[in-house]
Amino acid sequence: MITLLILLVALVVLGWGFYRARSFGKLGLLAWLQSVVLMAPWLLFFSLFTAGVYLNLVSIIFLIILSAGLYIFLGSWLRAEGGNSALPSRLSVLPNSTDSPSSTESSESSLADTGLPPERPKPVEVVLEPEVLTIPADDLKLIQGIFGIDTFFATETIPYRDGAIFKGNLRGEINPSYERLSTHLAERVGDRYRLFLVAGPDDRPTVIVLPSSNDPQPYTGWQGLLALVLFLTTIASSVATAGLMLGFDISQQPDRIRETFPIAVGILSVLAAHELGHRFLARRHNVRLSPPFLIPTWEIASFGAITRFESLLPNRNVLFDVALAGPAAGGIVSFVLLIVGLLLSQSSSLFQVQSNVFQGSILVGALARIILGDTLQQPIVGVHPLVLVGWLGLVLTAINLLPTGQLDGGRVVQAIYGRKVAGRATIITLIVLGLAALVNVLALYWAIVILFLQRDLERPPLNELSEPDDARAALGLLALFLMAATLLPLAPNLAGRLGIGG
């Protein structure tokens, strides 16, 4: 039933998207086709799976690669069409680039060249409230000097924290305009201020300038000590979880601790791969990260880790890369462990589990059915320990990909869709976790952790307006889909018809 419901929801979303896309003409239909291409392999896979037809791994990988290639091709076509259709309007309203944007005469002549009547620029309105606007007058004058009619024409200054918000009109392309503004700011005031180009409450481009003293601060010694304590506690919880998998309580039988080492090491390897993935991409983008504050739990070893950015992010691409790198690394390690474990599984394997256990995950159940075949129709199935370690690793990865707050999934959604969508996704996810807590106490624990520690969105990058490219958007949607497929169970009736469960 759940699988059918997912398929139905996906088709409804595509139908609604087509209805909305028609009003945008060719550009809208191209954007809609991107969504179709991205969802098609999974709709095909689960439709065939529901009908009892199983694709092998080679076919699945081929469909994913083909889908990603078509998605990128359509994205390039869409940008080309969008650029061609927008070019005349940009030429008719944007003045020629100049290094002296404050000159009214030059702006009028540029507009006159387009055949449009010249438009007198409005003067900058400065809120002169010394007790509220805390930027020194000399600094404020220097900052106002960076704006111009060929980049961002400021019309209003509003006090904001220790800096100011500048409302106005973005007159150039996003990336070149941001680079020129930030370069001019550094030339005038050095490293004392940071410039953010963000979407305002009315979704119009807005510039925010804040003192560099508001930058994220490095972790303290006490925080480093806390991270170490949590790391050691997570080692202990991994050993305890391994003991539960093996059928005993380590606190009651400490003499059997050596038996837990292989499984505990496997769990810790997934966690380590996750954190190393974050740090590899962070170092590549010159971004500092805090130590990982692991969250140990007795039942599944750990919920993952809380990792803070200790430097400002230049754009949403970097936010996406660093956020997704952790789940990607941990998920790949877990996936490999699961596949190898399924391939090594025999009737005489260490773990003898009920076959209906594989109904607990759409993704794992589908992979087990493809690899183990009719073995899953028996009441008891022998599985290699790597199956359980890989499955647990996928669960740990999936719960960190939940689209909420400062979890990896929340950061991915914020990078792809922006802060408004990320905020709504956070609320919806917390509601879903609250409902899931009625049947699973782990969902309640995780919801509490998110509510108190991770519910806030990540602070905006310096350039928040530039969106990630199509390849990143495709990878993000794929990660979110696999998260749902990992956590959602198969309906017992459908699982029975598919031969999963005795």
Protein backbone atom coordinates (compact mmCIF):
# COMPACT_ATOMS: atom_id res chain seq x y z
CA MET A 1 0.00 0.00 0.00
CA ILE A 2 2.81 2.43 0.88
CA THR A 3 4.61 1.74 -2.40
CA LEU A 4 1.41 2.32 -4.37
CA LEU A 5 0.79 5.50 -2.40
CA ILE A 6 4.30 6.78 -3.25
CA LEU A 7 3.70 6.07 -6.94
CA LEU A 8 0.32 7.80 -6.82
CA VAL A 9 1.74 10.88 -5.09
CA ALA A 10 4.57 11.05 -7.63
CA LEU A 11 2.12 10.91 -10.54
CA VAL A 12 -0.10 13.56 -8.96
CA VAL A 13 2.94 15.82 -8.47
CA LEU A 14 3.96 15.35 -12.11
CA GLY A 15 0.40 16.04 -13.29
CA TRP A 16 0.16 19.20 -11.20
CA GLY A 17 3.58 20.26 -12.44
CA PHE A 18 2.46 19.87 -16.06
CA TYR A 19 -0.67 21.93 -15.36
CA ARG A 20 1.41 24.72 -13.86
CA ALA A 21 4.17 24.49 -16.50
CA ARG A 22 1.86 25.08 -19.47
CA SER A 23 1.35 28.72 -18.54
CA PHE A 24 5.13 29.32 -18.88
CA GLY A 25 5.29 28.02 -22.43
CA LYS A 26 8.38 26.23 -23.73
CA LEU A 27 10.52 27.11 -20.69
CA GLY A 28 7.93 25.69 -18.32
CA LEU A 29 7.57 22.47 -20.28
CA LEU A 30 11.34 21.99 -20.40
CA ALA A 31 11.52 22.42 -16.63
CA TRP A 32 8.67 19.93 -16.23
CA LEU A 33 10.44 17.42 -18.48
CA GLN A 34 13.46 17.66 -16.18
CA SER A 35 11.28 16.48 -13.31
CA VAL A 36 9.87 13.64 -15.43
CA VAL A 37 13.33 12.50 -16.52
CA LEU A 38 14.61 12.57 -12.94
CA MET A 39 11.70 10.57 -11.52
CA ALA A 40 11.22 8.18 -14.45
CA PRO A 41 13.80 5.51 -13.44
CA TRP A 42 12.36 5.22 -9.95
CA LEU A 43 8.76 5.24 -11.12
CA LEU A 44 9.65 2.50 -13.61
CA PHE A 45 11.60 0.48 -11.04
CA PHE A 46 8.93 0.55 -8.35
CA SER A 47 6.08 0.08 -10.83
CA LEU A 48 7.75 -3.06 -12.18
CA PHE A 49 8.67 -4.12 -8.64
CA THR A 50 5.03 -3.80 -7.58
CA ALA A 51 4.04 -5.91 -10.60
CA GLY A 52 6.58 -8.58 -9.64
CA VAL A 53 9.18 -7.73 -12.29
CA TYR A 54 12.69 -7.23 -10.89
CA LEU A 55 15.42 -5.25 -12.61
CA ASN A 56 19.01 -6.28 -11.94
CA LEU A 57 21.61 -3.88 -10.58
CA VAL A 58 23.18 -3.22 -13.99
CA SER A 59 19.81 -2.12 -15.39
CA ILE A 60 19.16 0.13 -12.41
CA ILE A 61 22.56 1.82 -12.70
CA PHE A 62 22.07 2.28 -16.45
CA LEU A 63 18.68 3.94 -15.89
CA ILE A 64 20.14 6.28 -13.27
CA ILE A 65 23.04 7.32 -15.51
CA LEU A 66 20.72 7.81 -18.49
CA SER A 67 18.33 9.87 -16.35
CA ALA A 68 21.11 12.09 -15.02
CA GLY A 69 22.50 12.67 -18.53
CA LEU A 70 19.08 13.64 -19.92
CA TYR A 71 18.47 15.88 -16.88
CA ILE A 72 21.72 17.79 -17.47
CA PHE A 73 21.03 18.03 -21.23
CA LEU A 74 17.54 19.45 -20.63
CA GLY A 75 18.98 21.86 -18.07
CA SER A 76 21.48 23.19 -20.60
CA TRP A 77 18.71 23.54 -23.17
CA LEU A 78 16.53 25.32 -20.61
CA ARG A 79 19.25 27.80 -19.68
CA ALA A 80 19.97 28.49 -23.35
CA GLU A 81 16.29 29.13 -24.09
CA GLY A 82 15.92 31.22 -20.96
CA GLY A 83 19.00 33.28 -21.83
CA ASN A 84 17.79 33.91 -25.38
CA SER A 85 14.32 34.96 -24.27
CA ALA A 86 15.61 37.19 -21.49
CA LEU A 87 18.38 38.84 -23.50
CA PRO A 88 16.26 41.53 -25.24
CA SER A 89 14.66 42.56 -21.95
CA ARG A 90 18.03 42.79 -20.23
CA LEU A 91 19.44 44.87 -23.04
CA SER A 92 16.50 47.22 -22.86
CA VAL A 93 16.72 47.93 -19.14
CA LEU A 94 20.37 47.48 -18.18
CA PRO A 95 22.90 50.22 -18.80
CA ASN A 96 26.35 49.57 -20.17
CA SER A 97 28.91 48.48 -17.61
CA THR A 98 31.01 51.32 -16.25
CA ASP A 99 33.52 51.85 -13.53
CA SER A 100 31.80 55.14 -12.60
CA PRO A 101 28.24 54.01 -11.85
CA SER A 102 27.43 57.12 -9.90
CA SER A 103 27.37 59.26 -13.03
CA THR A 104 23.78 60.16 -13.87
CA GLU A 105 24.67 61.44 -17.33
CA SER A 106 26.32 58.21 -18.39
CA SER A 107 23.34 56.20 -17.14
CA GLU A 108 20.92 58.40 -19.07
CA SER A 109 22.90 58.06 -22.30
CA SER A 110 23.06 54.28 -21.86
CA LEU A 111 19.30 54.07 -21.43
CA ALA A 112 18.79 56.42 -24.36
CA ASP A 113 20.74 54.03 -26.59
CA THR A 114 18.03 51.40 -26.03
CA GLY A 115 15.26 53.66 -27.25
CA LEU A 116 13.69 54.00 -23.80
CA PRO A 117 13.23 57.31 -21.96
CA PRO A 118 15.90 57.89 -19.33
CA GLU A 119 14.99 57.14 -15.75
CA ARG A 120 16.31 59.39 -13.03
CA PRO A 121 17.84 57.26 -10.25
CA LYS A 122 16.36 57.76 -6.83
CA PRO A 123 18.66 59.14 -4.15
CA VAL A 124 19.89 56.82 -1.44
CA GLU A 125 17.71 57.16 1.63
CA VAL A 126 19.80 56.80 4.78
CA VAL A 127 18.19 56.21 8.14
CA LEU A 128 20.09 58.58 10.40
CA GLU A 129 19.48 57.07 13.80
CA PRO A 130 22.84 57.00 15.60
CA GLU A 131 21.37 55.08 18.52
CA VAL A 132 20.15 52.34 16.11
CA LEU A 133 22.46 52.44 13.08
CA THR A 134 25.72 51.36 14.71
CA ILE A 135 27.98 51.50 11.64
CA PRO A 136 30.36 54.49 12.00
CA ALA A 137 29.46 57.34 9.64
CA ASP A 138 32.82 57.11 7.81
CA ASP A 139 32.39 53.38 7.26
CA LEU A 140 28.80 53.85 6.13
CA LYS A 141 29.91 56.41 3.53
CA LEU A 142 32.57 54.04 2.22
CA ILE A 143 30.11 51.15 2.06
CA GLN A 144 27.52 53.20 0.20
CA GLY A 145 30.16 54.04 -2.37
CA ILE A 146 30.37 50.45 -3.62
CA PHE A 147 26.86 50.54 -5.07
CA GLY A 148 26.20 51.63 -8.61
CA ILE A 149 23.75 51.57 -11.43
CA ASP A 150 25.55 48.71 -13.18
CA THR A 151 25.59 46.35 -10.18
CA PHE A 152 23.18 47.10 -7.32
CA PHE A 153 21.45 50.47 -7.09
CA ALA A 154 20.68 51.07 -3.40
CA THR A 155 17.58 53.10 -2.56
CA GLU A 156 17.19 52.56 1.19
CA THR A 157 19.40 51.79 4.19
CA ILE A 158 17.92 49.99 7.21
CA PRO A 159 19.73 49.22 10.48
CA TYR A 160 20.27 45.50 11.06
CA ARG A 161 22.14 44.11 14.06
CA ASP A 162 25.60 45.69 13.95
CA GLY A 163 25.35 46.36 10.23
CA ALA A 164 22.79 47.47 7.69
CA ILE A 165 20.38 46.21 5.05
CA PHE A 166 20.51 47.94 1.68
CA LYS A 167 17.35 47.68 -0.39
CA GLY A 168 17.39 48.48 -4.05
CA ASN A 169 17.59 46.96 -7.50
CA LEU A 170 20.04 44.42 -8.84
CA ARG A 171 21.08 45.79 -12.23
CA GLY A 172 23.56 43.17 -13.41
CA GLU A 173 23.98 39.40 -13.51
CA ILE A 174 24.11 37.83 -10.06
CA ASN A 175 27.61 36.37 -9.92
CA PRO A 176 29.51 39.23 -11.62
CA SER A 177 27.57 41.80 -9.57
CA TYR A 178 28.35 40.03 -6.31
CA GLU A 179 32.04 39.69 -7.19
CA ARG A 180 32.32 43.40 -8.02
CA LEU A 181 30.45 44.47 -4.89
CA SER A 182 32.50 42.27 -2.55
CA THR A 183 35.76 43.30 -4.24
CA HIS A 184 34.92 47.00 -3.95
CA LEU A 185 33.93 46.51 -0.29
CA ALA A 186 37.26 44.84 0.49
CA GLU A 187 39.15 47.61 -1.29
CA ARG A 188 37.39 50.29 0.75
CA VAL A 189 37.09 48.79 4.25
CA GLY A 190 39.46 45.83 4.19
CA ASP A 191 38.44 42.76 6.17
CA ARG A 192 36.20 44.59 8.65
CA TYR A 193 32.86 43.88 6.92
CA ARG A 194 31.14 41.06 5.04
CA LEU A 195 28.69 41.51 2.17
CA PHE A 196 25.74 39.15 1.78
CA LEU A 197 23.58 39.11 -1.37
CA VAL A 198 20.31 37.48 -0.32
CA ALA A 199 16.61 37.34 -1.17
CA GLY A 200 14.63 39.80 0.95
CA PRO A 201 11.18 39.15 2.48
CA ASP A 202 9.62 40.26 -0.82
CA ASP A 203 11.98 37.92 -2.75
CA ARG A 204 13.85 40.90 -4.20
CA PRO A 205 17.67 40.90 -4.19
CA THR A 206 18.91 42.59 -1.01
CA VAL A 207 22.40 43.42 0.24
CA ILE A 208 23.30 42.98 3.90
CA VAL A 209 26.60 44.26 5.27
CA LEU A 210 27.73 42.99 8.68
CA PRO A 211 30.96 43.43 10.66
CA SER A 212 33.39 40.53 10.43
CA SER A 213 33.10 40.21 14.21
CA ASN A 214 29.79 38.41 13.49
CA ASP A 215 31.60 35.62 11.62
CA PRO A 216 31.23 32.09 13.03
CA GLN A 217 33.62 31.57 15.92
CA PRO A 218 36.01 28.60 16.24
CA TYR A 219 35.23 25.94 18.80
CA THR A 220 36.51 26.33 22.33
CA GLY A 221 38.58 23.92 24.37
CA TRP A 222 35.54 22.85 26.36
CA GLN A 223 33.66 22.11 23.17
CA GLY A 224 36.60 20.04 21.93
CA LEU A 225 36.52 18.10 25.20
CA LEU A 226 32.77 17.53 24.82
CA ALA A 227 33.33 16.21 21.28
CA LEU A 228 35.94 13.76 22.60
CA VAL A 229 33.62 12.53 25.38
CA LEU A 230 30.79 12.02 22.87
CA PHE A 231 33.16 10.15 20.55
CA LEU A 232 34.20 7.75 23.32
CA THR A 233 30.55 7.33 24.32
CA THR A 234 29.67 6.51 20.72
CA ILE A 235 32.34 3.78 20.68
CA ALA A 236 30.67 2.31 23.76
CA SER A 237 27.20 2.59 22.23
CA SER A 238 28.45 0.90 19.04
CA VAL A 239 29.73 -2.01 21.12
CA ALA A 240 26.40 -2.16 22.94
CA THR A 241 24.46 -2.13 19.65
CA ALA A 242 26.67 -4.90 18.30
CA GLY A 243 25.90 -6.94 21.40
CA LEU A 244 22.17 -6.47 20.87
CA MET A 245 22.56 -7.66 17.27
CA LEU A 246 24.35 -10.75 18.54
CA GLY A 247 21.60 -11.41 21.06
CA PHE A 248 23.13 -10.38 24.39
CA ASP A 249 23.47 -7.35 26.64
CA ILE A 250 27.10 -6.28 26.93
CA SER A 251 26.48 -4.76 30.35
CA GLN A 252 25.38 -8.18 31.58
CA GLN A 253 28.04 -10.18 29.73
CA PRO A 254 31.14 -7.98 29.43
CA ASP A 255 33.33 -11.03 28.89
CA ARG A 256 31.88 -11.34 25.36
CA ILE A 257 33.05 -7.89 24.28
CA ARG A 258 35.46 -9.29 21.69
CA GLU A 259 32.55 -10.78 19.78
CA THR A 260 31.18 -7.28 19.22
CA PHE A 261 34.32 -5.81 17.68
CA PRO A 262 33.71 -6.70 13.98
CA ILE A 263 30.19 -5.24 13.97
CA ALA A 264 31.17 -2.23 16.10
CA VAL A 265 34.07 -1.47 13.77
CA GLY A 266 31.70 -1.69 10.80
CA ILE A 267 29.31 0.82 12.41
CA LEU A 268 32.15 3.18 13.31
CA SER A 269 33.52 2.88 9.75
CA VAL A 270 30.22 4.19 8.37
CA LEU A 271 30.26 7.10 10.84
CA ALA A 272 33.90 7.84 10.03
CA ALA A 273 33.24 7.78 6.28
CA HIS A 274 30.37 10.22 6.79
CA GLU A 275 32.52 12.72 8.68
CA LEU A 276 35.50 12.34 6.36
CA GLY A 277 33.22 13.06 3.42
CA HIS A 278 32.19 16.36 4.99
CA ARG A 279 35.76 17.34 5.77
CA PHE A 280 37.17 16.39 2.39
CA LEU A 281 34.77 18.71 0.55
CA ALA A 282 35.07 21.38 3.24
CA ARG A 283 38.85 21.47 2.83
CA ARG A 284 38.47 21.55 -0.94
CA HIS A 285 36.30 24.66 -0.61
CA ASN A 286 38.44 26.21 2.17
CA VAL A 287 35.63 25.90 4.71
CA ARG A 288 36.34 25.26 8.39
CA LEU A 289 34.22 22.75 10.32
CA SER A 290 33.87 22.19 14.04
CA PRO A 291 34.66 18.78 15.52
CA PRO A 292 31.80 16.31 15.05
CA PHE A 293 29.58 16.18 18.13
CA LEU A 294 28.35 12.59 17.83
CA ILE A 295 24.95 11.70 19.27
CA PRO A 296 25.16 8.21 20.78
CA THR A 297 22.10 6.02 21.23
CA TRP A 298 21.84 2.53 22.67
CA GLU A 299 19.60 1.00 19.99
CA ILE A 300 21.37 2.04 16.74
CA ALA A 301 24.77 3.18 18.05
CA SER A 302 24.44 6.82 16.96
CA PHE A 303 22.11 9.29 15.31
CA GLY A 304 25.12 10.79 13.54
CA ALA A 305 26.87 14.01 14.48
CA ILE A 306 26.25 17.73 14.80
CA THR A 307 28.89 19.59 12.82
CA ARG A 308 28.94 23.39 12.65
CA PHE A 309 30.39 25.59 9.95
CA GLU A 310 33.13 27.77 11.42
CA SER A 311 33.51 29.98 8.38
CA LEU A 312 31.15 31.77 6.03
CA LEU A 313 30.12 29.88 2.90
CA PRO A 314 30.66 31.68 -0.40
CA ASN A 315 27.55 30.32 -2.16
CA ARG A 316 24.89 27.62 -2.21
CA ASN A 317 27.06 25.28 -4.28
CA VAL A 318 29.50 24.99 -1.39
CA LEU A 319 26.67 24.47 1.10
CA PHE A 320 25.34 21.66 -1.07
CA ASP A 321 28.72 20.01 -1.66
CA VAL A 322 29.75 19.91 1.99
CA ALA A 323 26.29 18.84 3.18
CA LEU A 324 25.86 16.00 0.69
CA ALA A 325 29.44 14.72 0.84
CA GLY A 326 28.93 13.15 4.27
CA PRO A 327 25.78 11.13 3.48
CA ALA A 328 27.22 10.23 0.08
CA ALA A 329 30.40 8.77 1.60
CA GLY A 330 28.61 7.02 4.46
CA GLY A 331 25.84 5.82 2.16
CA ILE A 332 28.26 4.37 -0.39
CA VAL A 333 30.16 2.47 2.32
CA SER A 334 26.87 1.18 3.77
CA PHE A 335 25.54 0.23 0.34
CA VAL A 336 28.70 -1.72 -0.49
CA LEU A 337 28.59 -3.51 2.88
CA LEU A 338 24.93 -4.41 2.31
CA ILE A 339 25.47 -5.73 -1.23
CA VAL A 340 28.57 -7.74 -0.24
CA GLY A 341 26.72 -9.11 2.77
CA LEU A 342 23.76 -10.20 0.64
CA LEU A 343 26.10 -11.86 -1.87
CA LEU A 344 27.89 -13.72 0.97
CA SER A 345 24.67 -14.77 2.70
CA GLN A 346 24.00 -18.51 2.93
CA SER A 347 21.57 -20.69 4.82
CA SER A 348 24.37 -21.40 7.33
CA SER A 349 25.27 -17.70 7.89
CA LEU A 350 25.73 -16.37 11.41
CA PHE A 351 22.45 -14.45 11.59
CA GLN A 352 19.19 -16.34 11.15
CA VAL A 353 16.43 -13.76 10.75
CA GLN A 354 12.78 -13.91 9.86
CA SER A 355 12.33 -13.12 6.19
CA ASN A 356 9.59 -10.57 6.93
CA VAL A 357 12.31 -8.39 8.47
CA PHE A 358 13.10 -7.26 4.91
CA GLN A 359 9.66 -5.69 4.72
CA GLY A 360 11.01 -2.92 6.95
CA SER A 361 12.62 -1.00 4.07
CA ILE A 362 11.55 -0.55 0.46
CA LEU A 363 15.14 -0.14 -0.70
CA VAL A 364 16.69 -2.98 1.31
CA GLY A 365 13.73 -5.28 0.62
CA ALA A 366 14.03 -4.67 -3.12
CA LEU A 367 17.79 -5.30 -3.15
CA ALA A 368 17.38 -8.44 -1.03
CA ARG A 369 14.68 -9.76 -3.38
CA ILE A 370 16.91 -9.15 -6.40
CA ILE A 371 19.99 -10.84 -4.89
CA LEU A 372 18.52 -13.52 -2.59
CA GLY A 373 15.61 -14.34 -4.87
CA ASP A 374 13.17 -17.03 -3.73
CA THR A 375 15.13 -17.54 -0.50
CA LEU A 376 13.06 -14.71 0.99
CA GLN A 377 9.92 -16.84 0.69
CA GLN A 378 11.23 -19.08 3.48
CA PRO A 379 10.28 -18.17 7.06
CA ILE A 380 13.92 -17.96 8.20
CA VAL A 381 16.79 -16.58 6.13
CA GLY A 382 20.49 -16.80 6.88
CA VAL A 383 22.30 -13.49 6.35
CA HIS A 384 25.90 -12.42 6.65
CA PRO A 385 26.68 -9.90 9.45
CA LEU A 386 27.60 -7.30 6.80
CA VAL A 387 23.93 -7.17 5.79
CA LEU A 388 22.91 -5.85 9.18
CA VAL A 389 25.87 -3.47 9.38
CA GLY A 390 25.16 -2.11 5.90
CA TRP A 391 21.45 -1.77 6.62
CA LEU A 392 22.12 0.05 9.86
CA GLY A 393 24.55 2.34 8.05
CA LEU A 394 21.86 3.18 5.47
CA VAL A 395 19.43 4.00 8.28
CA LEU A 396 21.98 6.28 9.96
CA THR A 397 22.59 7.99 6.62
CA ALA A 398 18.87 8.32 5.92
CA ILE A 399 17.96 9.95 9.22
CA ASN A 400 20.67 12.55 8.63
CA LEU A 401 19.14 13.23 5.20
CA LEU A 402 15.78 14.16 6.67
CA PRO A 403 14.96 17.57 5.16
CA THR A 404 14.95 19.61 8.32
CA GLY A 405 16.97 22.38 9.94
CA GLN A 406 20.74 21.96 9.98
CA LEU A 407 20.69 18.23 9.27
CA ASP A 408 22.45 17.29 6.06
CA GLY A 409 19.09 16.89 4.34
CA GLY A 410 17.93 20.30 5.53
CA ARG A 411 21.11 21.89 4.19
CA VAL A 412 20.67 20.11 0.86
CA VAL A 413 17.09 21.38 0.53
CA GLN A 414 18.17 24.89 1.52
CA ALA A 415 20.95 24.82 -1.09
CA ILE A 416 18.68 23.62 -3.91
CA TYR A 417 15.38 25.35 -3.14
CA GLY A 418 16.22 28.23 -0.82
CA ARG A 419 15.35 29.16 2.75
CA LYS A 420 11.57 29.40 2.41
CA VAL A 421 11.16 25.86 1.11
CA ALA A 422 13.69 24.58 3.66
CA GLY A 423 11.72 26.20 6.48
CA ARG A 424 8.48 24.57 5.34
CA ALA A 425 10.21 21.21 4.90
CA THR A 426 11.50 21.46 8.47
CA ILE A 427 8.00 21.95 9.87
CA ILE A 428 6.56 19.09 7.81
CA THR A 429 9.39 16.74 8.80
CA LEU A 430 8.94 17.48 12.50
CA ILE A 431 5.21 16.78 12.18
CA VAL A 432 5.92 13.47 10.41
CA LEU A 433 8.45 12.50 13.10
CA GLY A 434 5.89 13.36 15.77
CA LEU A 435 3.37 11.01 14.15
CA ALA A 436 6.02 8.32 13.67
CA ALA A 437 6.87 8.60 17.38
CA LEU A 438 3.48 7.02 18.14
CA VAL A 439 4.81 3.69 16.83
CA ASN A 440 8.60 4.10 17.11
CA VAL A 441 10.30 5.62 20.13
CA LEU A 442 13.48 6.32 18.11
CA ALA A 443 11.51 8.83 16.03
CA LEU A 444 10.59 10.63 19.25
CA TYR A 445 14.22 10.79 20.40
CA TRP A 446 15.37 12.13 17.03
CA ALA A 447 12.54 14.68 16.88
CA ILE A 448 13.59 15.99 20.31
CA VAL A 449 17.24 16.27 19.21
CA ILE A 450 16.23 18.20 16.09
CA LEU A 451 13.79 20.43 17.97
CA PHE A 452 16.35 21.56 20.53
CA LEU A 453 19.63 21.42 18.59
CA GLN A 454 19.10 21.37 14.82
CA ARG A 455 15.77 23.01 13.96
CA ASP A 456 17.23 26.37 12.81
CA LEU A 457 18.24 26.74 9.18
CA GLU A 458 21.87 27.23 8.21
CA ARG A 459 22.91 30.87 7.97
CA PRO A 460 22.80 32.20 4.40
CA PRO A 461 25.91 31.98 2.22
CA LEU A 462 27.54 35.23 1.16
CA ASN A 463 25.94 34.87 -2.27
CA GLU A 464 22.58 33.25 -1.63
CA LEU A 465 20.98 34.15 -4.96
CA SER A 466 23.06 31.90 -7.24
CA GLU A 467 21.40 28.49 -7.45
CA PRO A 468 23.20 25.14 -7.75
CA ASP A 469 23.54 23.65 -11.22
CA ASP A 470 21.40 20.85 -12.62
CA ALA A 471 23.82 18.06 -11.71
CA ARG A 472 23.75 19.07 -8.05
CA ALA A 473 19.96 19.36 -8.09
CA ALA A 474 19.70 15.86 -9.57
CA LEU A 475 22.04 14.40 -6.95
CA GLY A 476 20.13 16.13 -4.15
CA LEU A 477 16.77 14.79 -5.30
CA LEU A 478 18.29 11.31 -5.71
CA ALA A 479 19.62 11.44 -2.14
CA LEU A 480 16.25 12.52 -0.76
CA PHE A 481 14.49 9.78 -2.71
CA LEU A 482 16.86 7.09 -1.42
CA MET A 483 16.36 8.44 2.10
CA ALA A 484 12.61 7.89 1.81
CA ALA A 485 13.05 4.47 0.19
CA THR A 486 15.34 3.42 3.06
CA LEU A 487 13.08 4.53 5.90
CA LEU A 488 9.65 3.63 4.48
CA PRO A 489 8.51 0.00 4.90
CA LEU A 490 6.81 -2.28 2.41
CA ALA A 491 3.17 -3.05 3.07
CA PRO A 492 2.87 -6.69 4.28
CA ASN A 493 0.32 -7.64 1.58
CA LEU A 494 2.45 -6.25 -1.23
CA ALA A 495 5.60 -7.78 0.27
CA GLY A 496 3.86 -11.14 0.37
CA ARG A 497 2.89 -10.93 -3.29
CA LEU A 498 6.48 -10.03 -4.13
CA GLY A 499 7.79 -13.04 -2.25
CA ILE A 500 9.33 -11.12 0.66
CA GLY A 501 8.44 -12.93 3.84
CA GLY A 502 7.38 -16.48 4.49
